[in-house]
Amino acid sequence: MKPIKMIKTKVVEMKKKAFTLIELLIVVAIIGILAGVGVPMYNGYMATAKVQSATTNHKNVKSFVAATLTKCSTGSQYVTLGSSNRYCNQNTSNWASYFRSYFNSINKNPYGGSYVTTTSGSPILGGTMISYSGNRIVLRTNIGNESGGNAYSPASGYDYITKE
């Protein structure tokens, strides 16, 4: 009679190790609720991050252009952009072109695709317009907004950096 009792104990022990259908359904429901709350929050964080990244790109472009032109105005004969030496005696039309090539090669568009600089008009979402007017380099970036629309930095007008 002892062997029969031992078999019943083993069967009872095996049943205790499994989850019931109700427990599994509760876990699936909790995961669904968490996903329903988490996905919209994640998308909001990503939209904010893209705007902040584009804003940072604009500030970096502006600072780099100003620093490069300042280096030229303090007596340097040339500056290095990437692997190319650019002579300081070039006009702003050439400098705008040099800067467009340089930033297209190193910057990434936070909205996807390639980083595109334009010569005039409104830049694409995440892109920067680098142009010139007289002895000034002109900048404007489409930083976008959290709903995916267009918003520009600076908000109205353009940033101007003078080449002396």
N, C-alpha and C. Protein backbone atom coordinates (compact mmCIF):
# COMPACT_ATOMS: atom_id res chain seq x y z
N MET A 1 0.79 -1.19 0.00
CA MET A 1 0.00 0.00 0.00
C MET A 1 0.84 1.27 0.00
N LYS A 2 2.01 1.18 0.43
CA LYS A 2 2.85 2.36 0.43
C LYS A 2 3.15 2.87 -0.97
N PRO A 3 3.37 2.02 -1.95
CA PRO A 3 3.64 2.55 -3.28
C PRO A 3 2.49 3.38 -3.83
N ILE A 4 1.25 3.06 -3.57
CA ILE A 4 0.11 3.82 -4.07
C ILE A 4 0.09 5.20 -3.43
N LYS A 5 0.34 5.30 -2.17
CA LYS A 5 0.36 6.57 -1.47
C LYS A 5 1.46 7.47 -2.06
N MET A 6 2.57 6.89 -2.37
CA MET A 6 3.69 7.64 -2.93
C MET A 6 3.35 8.20 -4.31
N ILE A 7 2.63 7.47 -5.12
CA ILE A 7 2.24 7.92 -6.45
C ILE A 7 1.27 9.10 -6.32
N LYS A 8 0.30 9.06 -5.42
CA LYS A 8 -0.64 10.15 -5.23
C LYS A 8 0.09 11.42 -4.78
N THR A 9 1.09 11.30 -3.95
CA THR A 9 1.86 12.45 -3.48
C THR A 9 2.61 13.09 -4.63
N LYS A 10 3.19 12.31 -5.49
CA LYS A 10 3.91 12.83 -6.65
C LYS A 10 2.97 13.59 -7.59
N VAL A 11 1.77 13.08 -7.83
CA VAL A 11 0.81 13.73 -8.71
C VAL A 11 0.38 15.07 -8.11
N VAL A 12 0.15 15.13 -6.83
CA VAL A 12 -0.25 16.35 -6.15
C VAL A 12 0.88 17.37 -6.24
N GLU A 13 2.12 16.94 -6.05
CA GLU A 13 3.27 17.84 -6.13
C GLU A 13 3.41 18.42 -7.53
N MET A 14 3.19 17.64 -8.58
CA MET A 14 3.30 18.13 -9.95
C MET A 14 2.22 19.17 -10.24
N LYS A 15 1.02 18.99 -9.73
CA LYS A 15 -0.05 19.95 -9.96
C LYS A 15 0.24 21.28 -9.29
N LYS A 16 0.93 21.31 -8.22
CA LYS A 16 1.24 22.53 -7.51
C LYS A 16 2.25 23.39 -8.27
N LYS A 17 3.02 22.86 -9.17
CA LYS A 17 4.06 23.59 -9.89
C LYS A 17 3.53 24.36 -11.10
N ALA A 18 2.35 24.13 -11.56
CA ALA A 18 1.83 24.76 -12.76
C ALA A 18 0.99 26.00 -12.41
N PHE A 19 0.85 26.94 -13.40
CA PHE A 19 -0.01 28.10 -13.24
C PHE A 19 -1.41 27.76 -13.73
N THR A 20 -2.39 28.38 -13.12
CA THR A 20 -3.76 28.16 -13.58
C THR A 20 -4.03 29.11 -14.75
N LEU A 21 -5.07 28.84 -15.46
CA LEU A 21 -5.46 29.67 -16.59
C LEU A 21 -5.80 31.09 -16.13
N ILE A 22 -6.45 31.22 -15.01
CA ILE A 22 -6.81 32.55 -14.48
C ILE A 22 -5.54 33.34 -14.17
N GLU A 23 -4.55 32.73 -13.56
CA GLU A 23 -3.29 33.43 -13.25
C GLU A 23 -2.62 33.90 -14.53
N LEU A 24 -2.60 33.09 -15.54
CA LEU A 24 -1.99 33.48 -16.82
C LEU A 24 -2.75 34.63 -17.47
N LEU A 25 -4.07 34.60 -17.43
CA LEU A 25 -4.88 35.68 -18.00
C LEU A 25 -4.65 37.00 -17.27
N ILE A 26 -4.50 36.94 -15.96
CA ILE A 26 -4.24 38.15 -15.17
C ILE A 26 -2.89 38.75 -15.57
N VAL A 27 -1.88 37.91 -15.73
CA VAL A 27 -0.56 38.40 -16.13
C VAL A 27 -0.62 39.03 -17.52
N VAL A 28 -1.31 38.40 -18.45
CA VAL A 28 -1.44 38.96 -19.81
C VAL A 28 -2.18 40.31 -19.75
N ALA A 29 -3.21 40.42 -18.93
CA ALA A 29 -3.95 41.67 -18.81
C ALA A 29 -3.07 42.77 -18.23
N ILE A 30 -2.27 42.46 -17.24
CA ILE A 30 -1.36 43.45 -16.65
C ILE A 30 -0.33 43.92 -17.67
N ILE A 31 0.22 43.00 -18.43
CA ILE A 31 1.20 43.37 -19.47
C ILE A 31 0.53 44.26 -20.52
N GLY A 32 -0.71 43.95 -20.89
CA GLY A 32 -1.44 44.78 -21.86
C GLY A 32 -1.67 46.19 -21.34
N ILE A 33 -2.02 46.31 -20.08
CA ILE A 33 -2.24 47.64 -19.49
C ILE A 33 -0.94 48.43 -19.46
N LEU A 34 0.14 47.80 -19.05
CA LEU A 34 1.44 48.48 -19.01
C LEU A 34 1.88 48.92 -20.41
N ALA A 35 1.65 48.09 -21.40
CA ALA A 35 2.02 48.45 -22.78
C ALA A 35 1.14 49.61 -23.26
N GLY A 36 -0.13 49.59 -22.91
CA GLY A 36 -1.03 50.67 -23.32
C GLY A 36 -0.64 52.01 -22.73
N VAL A 37 -0.07 52.00 -21.55
CA VAL A 37 0.39 53.24 -20.92
C VAL A 37 1.79 53.60 -21.40
N GLY A 38 2.64 52.62 -21.55
CA GLY A 38 4.05 52.86 -21.86
C GLY A 38 4.34 53.32 -23.27
N VAL A 39 3.66 52.78 -24.26
CA VAL A 39 3.95 53.12 -25.66
C VAL A 39 3.70 54.60 -25.95
N PRO A 40 2.55 55.18 -25.56
CA PRO A 40 2.37 56.62 -25.81
C PRO A 40 3.40 57.48 -25.08
N MET A 41 3.76 57.09 -23.87
CA MET A 41 4.78 57.85 -23.14
C MET A 41 6.12 57.77 -23.85
N TYR A 42 6.47 56.59 -24.33
CA TYR A 42 7.72 56.41 -25.06
C TYR A 42 7.74 57.28 -26.31
N ASN A 43 6.63 57.30 -27.04
CA ASN A 43 6.56 58.12 -28.26
C ASN A 43 6.71 59.60 -27.93
N GLY A 44 6.13 60.05 -26.83
CA GLY A 44 6.28 61.44 -26.40
C GLY A 44 7.73 61.76 -26.07
N TYR A 45 8.40 60.84 -25.39
CA TYR A 45 9.81 61.05 -25.05
C TYR A 45 10.66 61.11 -26.30
N MET A 46 10.36 60.27 -27.28
CA MET A 46 11.13 60.26 -28.52
C MET A 46 10.93 61.56 -29.30
N ALA A 47 9.71 62.08 -29.33
CA ALA A 47 9.44 63.33 -30.04
C ALA A 47 10.20 64.48 -29.38
N THR A 48 10.19 64.53 -28.06
CA THR A 48 10.93 65.57 -27.34
C THR A 48 12.42 65.44 -27.59
N ALA A 49 12.92 64.23 -27.60
CA ALA A 49 14.35 64.01 -27.83
C ALA A 49 14.77 64.47 -29.23
N LYS A 50 13.92 64.26 -30.22
CA LYS A 50 14.24 64.69 -31.59
C LYS A 50 14.33 66.21 -31.68
N VAL A 51 13.40 66.91 -31.04
CA VAL A 51 13.42 68.37 -31.04
C VAL A 51 14.69 68.86 -30.33
N GLN A 52 15.00 68.26 -29.20
CA GLN A 52 16.19 68.67 -28.46
C GLN A 52 17.47 68.38 -29.24
N SER A 53 17.52 67.26 -29.93
CA SER A 53 18.69 66.93 -30.74
C SER A 53 18.86 67.91 -31.90
N ALA A 54 17.77 68.27 -32.57
CA ALA A 54 17.85 69.23 -33.67
C ALA A 54 18.27 70.60 -33.15
N THR A 55 17.77 70.98 -31.97
CA THR A 55 18.16 72.25 -31.36
C THR A 55 19.65 72.26 -31.03
N THR A 56 20.14 71.16 -30.50
CA THR A 56 21.57 71.03 -30.20
C THR A 56 22.39 71.08 -31.47
N ASN A 57 21.94 70.42 -32.53
CA ASN A 57 22.65 70.49 -33.82
C ASN A 57 22.78 71.93 -34.28
N HIS A 58 21.67 72.70 -34.18
CA HIS A 58 21.70 74.10 -34.61
C HIS A 58 22.72 74.90 -33.79
N LYS A 59 22.69 74.73 -32.48
CA LYS A 59 23.63 75.46 -31.61
C LYS A 59 25.06 75.08 -31.93
N ASN A 60 25.31 73.80 -32.19
CA ASN A 60 26.66 73.35 -32.52
C ASN A 60 27.13 73.92 -33.87
N VAL A 61 26.24 73.94 -34.85
CA VAL A 61 26.58 74.51 -36.16
C VAL A 61 26.92 75.99 -35.99
N LYS A 62 26.07 76.70 -35.26
CA LYS A 62 26.29 78.13 -35.05
C LYS A 62 27.62 78.39 -34.33
N SER A 63 27.90 77.64 -33.28
CA SER A 63 29.15 77.82 -32.54
C SER A 63 30.36 77.47 -33.39
N PHE A 64 30.26 76.39 -34.16
CA PHE A 64 31.39 75.97 -34.99
C PHE A 64 31.68 76.99 -36.09
N VAL A 65 30.63 77.49 -36.74
CA VAL A 65 30.82 78.49 -37.79
C VAL A 65 31.46 79.75 -37.19
N ALA A 66 30.95 80.20 -36.04
CA ALA A 66 31.51 81.39 -35.40
C ALA A 66 32.97 81.17 -35.00
N ALA A 67 33.29 80.01 -34.43
CA ALA A 67 34.67 79.72 -34.02
C ALA A 67 35.60 79.64 -35.23
N THR A 68 35.13 79.03 -36.31
CA THR A 68 35.96 78.91 -37.52
C THR A 68 36.24 80.28 -38.12
N LEU A 69 35.22 81.11 -38.24
CA LEU A 69 35.41 82.43 -38.82
C LEU A 69 36.24 83.33 -37.90
N THR A 70 36.12 83.14 -36.58
CA THR A 70 36.95 83.89 -35.64
C THR A 70 38.42 83.50 -35.79
N LYS A 71 38.65 82.21 -35.99
CA LYS A 71 40.03 81.75 -36.19
C LYS A 71 40.63 82.42 -37.42
N CYS A 72 39.85 82.55 -38.47
CA CYS A 72 40.33 83.22 -39.68
C CYS A 72 40.60 84.70 -39.42
N SER A 73 39.72 85.34 -38.66
CA SER A 73 39.87 86.78 -38.44
C SER A 73 41.03 87.11 -37.49
N THR A 74 41.55 86.12 -36.79
CA THR A 74 42.67 86.37 -35.87
C THR A 74 44.02 86.07 -36.49
N GLY A 75 44.06 85.86 -37.80
CA GLY A 75 45.34 85.74 -38.48
C GLY A 75 45.69 84.39 -39.07
N SER A 76 44.86 83.38 -38.87
CA SER A 76 45.18 82.08 -39.48
C SER A 76 45.03 82.18 -41.00
N GLN A 77 45.88 81.46 -41.71
CA GLN A 77 45.79 81.45 -43.16
C GLN A 77 44.75 80.44 -43.64
N TYR A 78 44.56 79.38 -42.88
CA TYR A 78 43.58 78.36 -43.25
C TYR A 78 43.06 77.67 -42.00
N VAL A 79 41.94 76.99 -42.16
CA VAL A 79 41.37 76.13 -41.12
C VAL A 79 41.08 74.78 -41.75
N THR A 80 41.03 73.76 -40.93
CA THR A 80 40.77 72.41 -41.41
C THR A 80 39.31 72.05 -41.12
N LEU A 81 38.60 71.69 -42.18
CA LEU A 81 37.22 71.18 -42.05
C LEU A 81 37.26 69.74 -42.52
N GLY A 82 37.10 68.82 -41.59
CA GLY A 82 37.22 67.40 -41.95
C GLY A 82 38.65 67.12 -42.33
N SER A 83 38.86 66.68 -43.55
CA SER A 83 40.21 66.38 -44.02
C SER A 83 40.71 67.44 -45.00
N SER A 84 39.99 68.55 -45.13
CA SER A 84 40.35 69.58 -46.10
C SER A 84 40.79 70.87 -45.41
N ASN A 85 41.84 71.46 -45.92
CA ASN A 85 42.25 72.79 -45.47
C ASN A 85 41.52 73.83 -46.31
N ARG A 86 40.90 74.77 -45.65
CA ARG A 86 40.16 75.83 -46.32
C ARG A 86 40.84 77.16 -46.02
N TYR A 87 41.21 77.86 -47.07
CA TYR A 87 41.93 79.12 -46.90
C TYR A 87 40.99 80.23 -46.47
N CYS A 88 41.44 81.02 -45.52
CA CYS A 88 40.62 82.05 -44.90
C CYS A 88 40.27 83.21 -45.83
N ASN A 89 41.00 83.37 -46.92
CA ASN A 89 40.74 84.50 -47.81
C ASN A 89 39.58 84.23 -48.78
N GLN A 90 38.89 83.10 -48.63
CA GLN A 90 37.75 82.78 -49.50
C GLN A 90 36.54 83.65 -49.12
N ASN A 91 35.65 83.87 -50.07
CA ASN A 91 34.46 84.69 -49.80
C ASN A 91 33.40 83.86 -49.06
N THR A 92 32.37 84.54 -48.56
CA THR A 92 31.35 83.85 -47.76
C THR A 92 30.54 82.84 -48.58
N SER A 93 30.44 83.05 -49.88
CA SER A 93 29.76 82.06 -50.73
C SER A 93 30.49 80.73 -50.65
N ASN A 94 31.82 80.77 -50.76
CA ASN A 94 32.60 79.54 -50.65
C ASN A 94 32.50 78.95 -49.26
N TRP A 95 32.57 79.80 -48.23
CA TRP A 95 32.50 79.30 -46.86
C TRP A 95 31.15 78.62 -46.59
N ALA A 96 30.08 79.18 -47.09
CA ALA A 96 28.76 78.56 -46.90
C ALA A 96 28.75 77.17 -47.53
N SER A 97 29.34 77.04 -48.69
CA SER A 97 29.43 75.75 -49.36
C SER A 97 30.30 74.77 -48.57
N TYR A 98 31.43 75.25 -48.05
CA TYR A 98 32.32 74.40 -47.24
C TYR A 98 31.58 73.89 -46.01
N PHE A 99 30.87 74.78 -45.33
CA PHE A 99 30.15 74.39 -44.13
C PHE A 99 29.03 73.39 -44.45
N ARG A 100 28.31 73.59 -45.54
CA ARG A 100 27.25 72.64 -45.92
C ARG A 100 27.84 71.25 -46.14
N SER A 101 28.94 71.16 -46.88
CA SER A 101 29.57 69.86 -47.13
C SER A 101 30.04 69.21 -45.84
N TYR A 102 30.65 70.02 -44.98
CA TYR A 102 31.18 69.50 -43.72
C TYR A 102 30.06 68.96 -42.83
N PHE A 103 29.01 69.74 -42.64
CA PHE A 103 27.94 69.30 -41.74
C PHE A 103 27.12 68.16 -42.32
N ASN A 104 26.97 68.09 -43.63
CA ASN A 104 26.30 66.93 -44.22
C ASN A 104 27.07 65.66 -43.96
N SER A 105 28.40 65.76 -43.84
CA SER A 105 29.21 64.56 -43.64
C SER A 105 29.26 64.11 -42.18
N ILE A 106 29.06 65.03 -41.22
CA ILE A 106 29.23 64.62 -39.81
C ILE A 106 27.94 64.59 -39.01
N ASN A 107 26.93 65.37 -39.36
CA ASN A 107 25.69 65.42 -38.56
C ASN A 107 24.71 64.35 -39.00
N LYS A 108 23.89 63.94 -38.05
CA LYS A 108 22.81 63.00 -38.35
C LYS A 108 21.49 63.71 -38.11
N ASN A 109 20.54 63.42 -38.97
CA ASN A 109 19.22 64.00 -38.84
C ASN A 109 18.45 63.22 -37.78
N PRO A 110 18.03 63.88 -36.69
CA PRO A 110 17.32 63.15 -35.64
C PRO A 110 15.97 62.60 -36.08
N TYR A 111 15.44 63.09 -37.20
CA TYR A 111 14.15 62.61 -37.70
C TYR A 111 14.31 61.48 -38.71
N GLY A 112 15.54 61.03 -38.91
CA GLY A 112 15.80 59.93 -39.84
C GLY A 112 16.30 60.45 -41.17
N GLY A 113 16.84 59.56 -41.96
CA GLY A 113 17.38 59.96 -43.25
C GLY A 113 18.72 60.66 -43.08
N SER A 114 19.15 61.31 -44.12
CA SER A 114 20.45 61.98 -44.05
C SER A 114 20.25 63.42 -43.58
N TYR A 115 21.32 63.96 -43.02
CA TYR A 115 21.29 65.36 -42.59
C TYR A 115 21.46 66.20 -43.84
N VAL A 116 20.51 67.06 -44.11
CA VAL A 116 20.54 67.83 -45.36
C VAL A 116 20.63 69.31 -45.03
N THR A 117 21.64 69.96 -45.62
CA THR A 117 21.71 71.41 -45.53
C THR A 117 21.28 71.96 -46.88
N THR A 118 20.63 73.11 -46.85
CA THR A 118 20.17 73.73 -48.07
C THR A 118 20.82 75.10 -48.22
N THR A 119 20.70 75.67 -49.40
CA THR A 119 21.28 76.98 -49.66
C THR A 119 20.28 78.10 -49.43
N SER A 120 19.00 77.81 -49.49
CA SER A 120 17.99 78.84 -49.29
C SER A 120 16.65 78.19 -48.99
N GLY A 121 15.71 79.00 -48.59
CA GLY A 121 14.37 78.48 -48.32
C GLY A 121 14.28 77.78 -46.98
N SER A 122 13.23 77.02 -46.81
CA SER A 122 13.00 76.32 -45.55
C SER A 122 13.65 74.95 -45.59
N PRO A 123 14.48 74.64 -44.60
CA PRO A 123 15.11 73.32 -44.57
C PRO A 123 14.11 72.22 -44.21
N ILE A 124 14.45 70.99 -44.58
CA ILE A 124 13.60 69.85 -44.22
C ILE A 124 13.62 69.67 -42.71
N LEU A 125 12.71 68.88 -42.21
CA LEU A 125 12.63 68.59 -40.78
C LEU A 125 13.96 68.01 -40.31
N GLY A 126 14.61 68.68 -39.36
CA GLY A 126 15.90 68.25 -38.84
C GLY A 126 17.08 68.81 -39.60
N GLY A 127 16.85 69.49 -40.72
CA GLY A 127 17.93 70.02 -41.55
C GLY A 127 18.22 71.48 -41.25
N THR A 128 19.31 71.97 -41.83
CA THR A 128 19.75 73.35 -41.60
C THR A 128 19.97 74.05 -42.93
N MET A 129 19.55 75.31 -42.99
CA MET A 129 19.83 76.16 -44.14
C MET A 129 21.11 76.93 -43.80
N ILE A 130 22.13 76.77 -44.66
CA ILE A 130 23.38 77.51 -44.51
C ILE A 130 23.58 78.29 -45.81
N SER A 131 23.51 79.60 -45.68
CA SER A 131 23.63 80.45 -46.85
C SER A 131 24.55 81.61 -46.51
N TYR A 132 24.53 82.63 -47.35
CA TYR A 132 25.35 83.82 -47.09
C TYR A 132 24.62 85.05 -47.56
N SER A 133 24.97 86.16 -46.97
CA SER A 133 24.44 87.45 -47.37
C SER A 133 25.55 88.47 -47.12
N GLY A 134 26.15 88.97 -48.20
CA GLY A 134 27.28 89.88 -48.06
C GLY A 134 28.44 89.17 -47.38
N ASN A 135 28.88 89.71 -46.24
CA ASN A 135 30.00 89.09 -45.53
C ASN A 135 29.52 88.27 -44.33
N ARG A 136 28.27 87.81 -44.37
CA ARG A 136 27.71 87.04 -43.26
C ARG A 136 27.26 85.65 -43.72
N ILE A 137 27.47 84.68 -42.83
CA ILE A 137 26.91 83.34 -43.01
C ILE A 137 25.54 83.36 -42.33
N VAL A 138 24.54 82.81 -43.02
CA VAL A 138 23.16 82.84 -42.54
C VAL A 138 22.74 81.40 -42.19
N LEU A 139 22.15 81.23 -41.00
CA LEU A 139 21.74 79.90 -40.53
C LEU A 139 20.28 79.89 -40.10
N ARG A 140 19.64 78.77 -40.38
CA ARG A 140 18.28 78.52 -39.87
C ARG A 140 18.05 77.01 -39.90
N THR A 141 17.53 76.46 -38.80
CA THR A 141 17.31 75.02 -38.69
C THR A 141 15.85 74.73 -38.43
N ASN A 142 15.34 73.71 -39.10
CA ASN A 142 13.98 73.22 -38.85
C ASN A 142 14.08 72.18 -37.73
N ILE A 143 13.86 72.63 -36.50
CA ILE A 143 13.99 71.73 -35.35
C ILE A 143 12.76 70.87 -35.15
N GLY A 144 11.66 71.24 -35.78
CA GLY A 144 10.41 70.48 -35.64
C GLY A 144 9.75 70.75 -34.31
N ASN A 145 8.60 70.13 -34.12
CA ASN A 145 7.92 70.21 -32.82
C ASN A 145 7.46 68.80 -32.44
N GLU A 146 6.90 68.68 -31.26
CA GLU A 146 6.59 67.36 -30.73
C GLU A 146 5.46 66.65 -31.46
N SER A 147 4.70 67.38 -32.26
CA SER A 147 3.63 66.74 -33.03
C SER A 147 4.10 66.43 -34.46
N GLY A 148 5.37 66.66 -34.77
CA GLY A 148 5.92 66.33 -36.08
C GLY A 148 5.85 67.45 -37.10
N GLY A 149 5.40 68.63 -36.68
CA GLY A 149 5.31 69.77 -37.59
C GLY A 149 6.61 70.55 -37.67
N ASN A 150 6.60 71.61 -38.44
CA ASN A 150 7.79 72.44 -38.62
C ASN A 150 7.85 73.53 -37.55
N ALA A 151 9.05 73.72 -37.01
CA ALA A 151 9.35 74.82 -36.10
C ALA A 151 10.82 75.15 -36.34
N TYR A 152 11.17 76.41 -36.26
CA TYR A 152 12.49 76.82 -36.69
C TYR A 152 13.30 77.42 -35.55
N SER A 153 14.61 77.30 -35.68
CA SER A 153 15.53 77.95 -34.77
C SER A 153 16.47 78.79 -35.62
N PRO A 154 16.54 80.08 -35.37
CA PRO A 154 15.76 80.84 -34.40
C PRO A 154 14.28 80.89 -34.80
N ALA A 155 13.44 81.15 -33.80
CA ALA A 155 11.99 81.10 -34.02
C ALA A 155 11.53 82.07 -35.11
N SER A 156 12.11 83.24 -35.15
CA SER A 156 11.77 84.17 -36.22
C SER A 156 13.07 84.72 -36.79
N GLY A 157 13.20 84.72 -38.06
CA GLY A 157 14.40 85.25 -38.69
C GLY A 157 15.50 84.21 -38.85
N TYR A 158 16.72 84.69 -38.79
CA TYR A 158 17.89 83.86 -39.06
C TYR A 158 18.99 84.21 -38.08
N ASP A 159 19.97 83.31 -37.96
CA ASP A 159 21.20 83.62 -37.22
C ASP A 159 22.22 84.08 -38.25
N TYR A 160 22.91 85.18 -37.93
CA TYR A 160 23.93 85.71 -38.82
C TYR A 160 25.29 85.68 -38.11
N ILE A 161 26.30 85.18 -38.81
CA ILE A 161 27.66 85.18 -38.30
C ILE A 161 28.52 85.94 -39.31
N THR A 162 29.16 86.99 -38.85
CA THR A 162 29.91 87.87 -39.74
C THR A 162 31.32 87.35 -39.94
N LYS A 163 31.75 87.33 -41.20
CA LYS A 163 33.12 86.99 -41.56
C LYS A 163 33.86 88.30 -41.73
N GLU A 164 34.86 88.49 -40.91
CA GLU A 164 35.64 89.73 -40.97
C GLU A 164 36.89 89.57 -41.80
